[in-house]
Amino acid sequence: MLMQFEEYLTFENIYLCITFGVLPFWLMLVFIPGSKITQILVNSIIIPLLISAAYIYLIYKMLILYEAIFDIFRLYLSLDDLYTLFSTETFLLVFWLHFIAINIFVGSWLSKDALKYNISKKMIFIPLLLVYFSGPLGLVIYWILRIFYAKKLGFHD
């Protein structure tokens, strides 16, 4: 049975499950940010733990399969090395999971923070959408919006 499960865990299936699996949680952040279900599922550690489990599994596969783990140390040497690293399916998927995990974390924080400052769901729709697609851009747009609602510029909230 474990072998069948491992056969199902192809890189393509992991990609599809994570990519489409987070969509309901993003929809919760957009449409029902203050609900109990959103608080339990999205604003807790559950989603990052699930993504982390997939991340750890990929690192495990990377170590036992075929790809040179030492290539990761060349990551910062040049842009060509980065391009080469991302041309491998495993590293690309590892960094995709990294991107998804950080973006859902930022989206969750943004949603909770907007509730704290009584910023309407309509106002945070665009920043949440931008966080989903491009992370930092959505965060910056939200931060500018937040300054007007919070009436202060605080960096330690």
C-alpha atoms as a PDB file:
ATOM      1  CA  MET A   1       0.000   0.000   0.000  1.00  0.00           C
ATOM      2  CA  LEU A   2       2.873   2.387   0.780  1.00  0.00           C
ATOM      3  CA  MET A   3       4.334   1.611  -2.631  1.00  0.00           C
ATOM      4  CA  GLN A   4       1.040   2.532  -4.339  1.00  0.00           C
ATOM      5  CA  PHE A   5       0.931   5.810  -2.423  1.00  0.00           C
ATOM      6  CA  GLU A   6       4.504   6.586  -3.427  1.00  0.00           C
ATOM      7  CA  GLU A   7       3.682   5.848  -7.073  1.00  0.00           C
ATOM      8  CA  TYR A   8       0.877   8.404  -6.831  1.00  0.00           C
ATOM      9  CA  LEU A   9       3.247  11.042  -5.439  1.00  0.00           C
ATOM     10  CA  THR A  10       4.786  11.998  -8.742  1.00  0.00           C
ATOM     11  CA  PHE A  11       6.168  15.491  -9.091  1.00  0.00           C
ATOM     12  CA  GLU A  12       3.323  16.378 -11.438  1.00  0.00           C
ATOM     13  CA  ASN A  13       0.687  15.161  -8.956  1.00  0.00           C
ATOM     14  CA  ILE A  14       2.329  17.052  -6.095  1.00  0.00           C
ATOM     15  CA  TYR A  15       2.377  20.193  -8.238  1.00  0.00           C
ATOM     16  CA  LEU A  16      -1.293  19.833  -9.175  1.00  0.00           C
ATOM     17  CA  CYS A  17      -2.429  18.997  -5.637  1.00  0.00           C
ATOM     18  CA  ILE A  18      -0.618  21.943  -4.073  1.00  0.00           C
ATOM     19  CA  THR A  19      -1.423  24.451  -6.813  1.00  0.00           C
ATOM     20  CA  PHE A  20      -5.125  23.697  -6.950  1.00  0.00           C
ATOM     21  CA  GLY A  21      -5.361  22.595  -3.329  1.00  0.00           C
ATOM     22  CA  VAL A  22      -4.629  26.075  -1.987  1.00  0.00           C
ATOM     23  CA  LEU A  23      -7.300  27.758  -4.110  1.00  0.00           C
ATOM     24  CA  PRO A  24     -10.188  27.077  -1.672  1.00  0.00           C
ATOM     25  CA  PHE A  25      -8.136  28.598   1.128  1.00  0.00           C
ATOM     26  CA  TRP A  26      -7.422  31.703  -0.929  1.00  0.00           C
ATOM     27  CA  LEU A  27     -11.134  31.976  -1.682  1.00  0.00           C
ATOM     28  CA  MET A  28     -11.820  31.781   2.055  1.00  0.00           C
ATOM     29  CA  LEU A  29      -9.351  34.610   2.661  1.00  0.00           C
ATOM     30  CA  VAL A  30     -11.081  36.742   0.031  1.00  0.00           C
ATOM     31  CA  PHE A  31     -14.747  36.032   0.728  1.00  0.00           C
ATOM     32  CA  ILE A  32     -15.024  34.885   4.360  1.00  0.00           C
ATOM     33  CA  PRO A  33     -11.895  36.160   6.132  1.00  0.00           C
ATOM     34  CA  GLY A  34     -13.513  36.508   9.559  1.00  0.00           C
ATOM     35  CA  SER A  35     -15.313  33.175   9.640  1.00  0.00           C
ATOM     36  CA  LYS A  36     -14.468  30.455  12.145  1.00  0.00           C
ATOM     37  CA  ILE A  37     -13.628  27.962   9.364  1.00  0.00           C
ATOM     38  CA  THR A  38     -11.121  30.412   7.846  1.00  0.00           C
ATOM     39  CA  GLN A  39      -9.586  31.008  11.258  1.00  0.00           C
ATOM     40  CA  ILE A  40      -9.217  27.269  11.852  1.00  0.00           C
ATOM     41  CA  LEU A  41      -7.997  26.204   8.414  1.00  0.00           C
ATOM     42  CA  VAL A  42      -6.193  29.159   6.886  1.00  0.00           C
ATOM     43  CA  ASN A  43      -5.034  31.302   9.780  1.00  0.00           C
ATOM     44  CA  SER A  44      -3.577  28.343  11.634  1.00  0.00           C
ATOM     45  CA  ILE A  45      -0.525  26.185  11.072  1.00  0.00           C
ATOM     46  CA  ILE A  46      -2.462  23.474   9.173  1.00  0.00           C
ATOM     47  CA  ILE A  47      -1.816  24.620   5.591  1.00  0.00           C
ATOM     48  CA  PRO A  48       1.881  25.458   6.090  1.00  0.00           C
ATOM     49  CA  LEU A  49       2.364  22.037   7.743  1.00  0.00           C
ATOM     50  CA  LEU A  50       0.785  20.241   4.795  1.00  0.00           C
ATOM     51  CA  ILE A  51       2.889  22.175   2.305  1.00  0.00           C
ATOM     52  CA  SER A  52       5.954  21.558   4.484  1.00  0.00           C
ATOM     53  CA  ALA A  53       5.274  17.824   4.426  1.00  0.00           C
ATOM     54  CA  ALA A  54       5.286  17.887   0.616  1.00  0.00           C
ATOM     55  CA  TYR A  55       8.437  20.015   0.720  1.00  0.00           C
ATOM     56  CA  ILE A  56      10.217  17.543   3.011  1.00  0.00           C
ATOM     57  CA  TYR A  57       9.123  14.647   0.807  1.00  0.00           C
ATOM     58  CA  LEU A  58      10.659  16.370  -2.227  1.00  0.00           C
ATOM     59  CA  ILE A  59      13.916  16.999  -0.388  1.00  0.00           C
ATOM     60  CA  TYR A  60      13.928  13.322   0.598  1.00  0.00           C
ATOM     61  CA  LYS A  61      13.362  12.278  -3.033  1.00  0.00           C
ATOM     62  CA  MET A  62      16.062  14.655  -4.145  1.00  0.00           C
ATOM     63  CA  LEU A  63      18.554  13.112  -1.748  1.00  0.00           C
ATOM     64  CA  ILE A  64      17.829   9.477  -2.600  1.00  0.00           C
ATOM     65  CA  LEU A  65      17.074   9.792  -6.280  1.00  0.00           C
ATOM     66  CA  TYR A  66      19.412  11.363  -8.715  1.00  0.00           C
ATOM     67  CA  GLU A  67      20.015  15.048  -8.390  1.00  0.00           C
ATOM     68  CA  ALA A  68      23.220  16.383  -6.955  1.00  0.00           C
ATOM     69  CA  ILE A  69      22.401  18.062  -3.688  1.00  0.00           C
ATOM     70  CA  PHE A  70      25.684  19.931  -3.931  1.00  0.00           C
ATOM     71  CA  ASP A  71      24.250  21.945  -6.824  1.00  0.00           C
ATOM     72  CA  ILE A  72      22.297  23.921  -4.269  1.00  0.00           C
ATOM     73  CA  PHE A  73      25.539  25.468  -3.037  1.00  0.00           C
ATOM     74  CA  ARG A  74      26.106  26.922  -6.498  1.00  0.00           C
ATOM     75  CA  LEU A  75      22.726  28.624  -6.342  1.00  0.00           C
ATOM     76  CA  TYR A  76      24.130  32.033  -5.499  1.00  0.00           C
ATOM     77  CA  LEU A  77      27.257  32.006  -7.639  1.00  0.00           C
ATOM     78  CA  SER A  78      25.716  33.319 -10.848  1.00  0.00           C
ATOM     79  CA  LEU A  79      22.479  33.800 -12.701  1.00  0.00           C
ATOM     80  CA  ASP A  80      23.449  30.953 -15.045  1.00  0.00           C
ATOM     81  CA  ASP A  81      23.819  28.607 -12.065  1.00  0.00           C
ATOM     82  CA  LEU A  82      20.389  29.660 -10.844  1.00  0.00           C
ATOM     83  CA  TYR A  83      18.948  29.000 -14.297  1.00  0.00           C
ATOM     84  CA  THR A  84      20.571  25.556 -14.376  1.00  0.00           C
ATOM     85  CA  LEU A  85      19.274  24.749 -10.921  1.00  0.00           C
ATOM     86  CA  PHE A  86      15.721  25.725 -11.848  1.00  0.00           C
ATOM     87  CA  SER A  87      15.884  23.661 -15.023  1.00  0.00           C
ATOM     88  CA  THR A  88      15.646  20.513 -12.903  1.00  0.00           C
ATOM     89  CA  GLU A  89      12.115  19.425 -12.087  1.00  0.00           C
ATOM     90  CA  THR A  90      12.772  18.735  -8.419  1.00  0.00           C
ATOM     91  CA  PHE A  91      14.341  22.084  -7.583  1.00  0.00           C
ATOM     92  CA  LEU A  92      11.684  23.909  -9.566  1.00  0.00           C
ATOM     93  CA  LEU A  93       8.969  22.127  -7.611  1.00  0.00           C
ATOM     94  CA  VAL A  94      10.725  22.720  -4.268  1.00  0.00           C
ATOM     95  CA  PHE A  95      10.876  26.437  -4.952  1.00  0.00           C
ATOM     96  CA  TRP A  96       7.273  26.450  -6.193  1.00  0.00           C
ATOM     97  CA  LEU A  97       6.183  24.950  -2.860  1.00  0.00           C
ATOM     98  CA  HIS A  98       8.311  27.563  -1.119  1.00  0.00           C
ATOM     99  CA  PHE A  99       6.535  30.307  -3.088  1.00  0.00           C
ATOM    100  CA  ILE A 100       3.077  28.868  -2.371  1.00  0.00           C
ATOM    101  CA  ALA A 101       3.780  28.452   1.359  1.00  0.00           C
ATOM    102  CA  ILE A 102       5.085  31.981   1.809  1.00  0.00           C
ATOM    103  CA  ASN A 103       2.275  33.506  -0.232  1.00  0.00           C
ATOM    104  CA  ILE A 104      -0.467  31.735   1.736  1.00  0.00           C
ATOM    105  CA  PHE A 105       1.253  32.843   4.941  1.00  0.00           C
ATOM    106  CA  VAL A 106       1.378  36.466   3.737  1.00  0.00           C
ATOM    107  CA  GLY A 107      -2.224  36.249   2.518  1.00  0.00           C
ATOM    108  CA  SER A 108      -3.321  34.920   5.891  1.00  0.00           C
ATOM    109  CA  TRP A 109      -1.473  37.671   7.737  1.00  0.00           C
ATOM    110  CA  LEU A 110      -2.895  40.314   5.397  1.00  0.00           C
ATOM    111  CA  SER A 111      -6.437  39.019   5.943  1.00  0.00           C
ATOM    112  CA  LYS A 112      -6.057  38.965   9.747  1.00  0.00           C
ATOM    113  CA  ASP A 113      -4.477  42.410   9.748  1.00  0.00           C
ATOM    114  CA  ALA A 114      -7.268  43.833   7.589  1.00  0.00           C
ATOM    115  CA  LEU A 115      -9.820  42.502  10.084  1.00  0.00           C
ATOM    116  CA  LYS A 116      -7.876  44.132  12.903  1.00  0.00           C
ATOM    117  CA  TYR A 117      -8.085  47.551  11.196  1.00  0.00           C
ATOM    118  CA  ASN A 118     -11.635  47.067   9.853  1.00  0.00           C
ATOM    119  CA  ILE A 119     -10.554  47.219   6.227  1.00  0.00           C
ATOM    120  CA  SER A 120     -13.371  45.907   4.056  1.00  0.00           C
ATOM    121  CA  LYS A 121     -13.128  42.708   2.043  1.00  0.00           C
ATOM    122  CA  LYS A 122     -13.606  44.734  -1.138  1.00  0.00           C
ATOM    123  CA  MET A 123     -10.571  46.870  -0.346  1.00  0.00           C
ATOM    124  CA  ILE A 124      -8.241  43.932   0.225  1.00  0.00           C
ATOM    125  CA  PHE A 125      -9.380  41.932  -2.794  1.00  0.00           C
ATOM    126  CA  ILE A 126      -6.734  43.426  -5.111  1.00  0.00           C
ATOM    127  CA  PRO A 127      -3.857  43.124  -2.603  1.00  0.00           C
ATOM    128  CA  LEU A 128      -4.837  39.490  -1.869  1.00  0.00           C
ATOM    129  CA  LEU A 129      -5.015  38.724  -5.589  1.00  0.00           C
ATOM    130  CA  LEU A 130      -1.603  40.299  -6.084  1.00  0.00           C
ATOM    131  CA  VAL A 131      -0.151  38.359  -3.142  1.00  0.00           C
ATOM    132  CA  TYR A 132      -1.486  35.161  -4.701  1.00  0.00           C
ATOM    133  CA  PHE A 133       0.222  35.885  -8.011  1.00  0.00           C
ATOM    134  CA  SER A 134       3.264  37.905  -7.047  1.00  0.00           C
ATOM    135  CA  GLY A 135       3.690  37.986  -3.260  1.00  0.00           C
ATOM    136  CA  PRO A 136       5.696  41.128  -2.537  1.00  0.00           C
ATOM    137  CA  LEU A 137       3.730  43.399  -4.887  1.00  0.00           C
ATOM    138  CA  GLY A 138       0.466  42.596  -3.103  1.00  0.00           C
ATOM    139  CA  LEU A 139       2.109  43.101   0.266  1.00  0.00           C
ATOM    140  CA  VAL A 140       3.353  46.574  -0.715  1.00  0.00           C
ATOM    141  CA  ILE A 141      -0.057  47.585  -2.100  1.00  0.00           C
ATOM    142  CA  TYR A 142      -1.731  46.368   1.087  1.00  0.00           C
ATOM    143  CA  TRP A 143       0.804  48.179   3.267  1.00  0.00           C
ATOM    144  CA  ILE A 144       0.065  51.468   1.481  1.00  0.00           C
ATOM    145  CA  LEU A 145      -3.672  50.870   1.926  1.00  0.00           C
ATOM    146  CA  ARG A 146      -3.168  49.931   5.570  1.00  0.00           C
ATOM    147  CA  ILE A 147      -1.412  53.198   6.366  1.00  0.00           C
ATOM    148  CA  PHE A 148      -4.601  55.090   5.533  1.00  0.00           C
ATOM    149  CA  TYR A 149      -6.802  52.817   7.634  1.00  0.00           C
ATOM    150  CA  ALA A 150      -4.487  52.488  10.615  1.00  0.00           C
ATOM    151  CA  LYS A 151      -3.604  56.205  10.510  1.00  0.00           C
ATOM    152  CA  LYS A 152      -0.050  55.333  11.439  1.00  0.00           C
ATOM    153  CA  LEU A 153       3.077  53.873   9.989  1.00  0.00           C
ATOM    154  CA  GLY A 154       4.159  51.050  12.271  1.00  0.00           C
ATOM    155  CA  PHE A 155       6.739  48.441  11.427  1.00  0.00           C
ATOM    156  CA  HIS A 156       6.314  46.188  14.461  1.00  0.00           C
ATOM    157  CA  ASP A 157       2.626  45.198  14.496  1.00  0.00           C
END
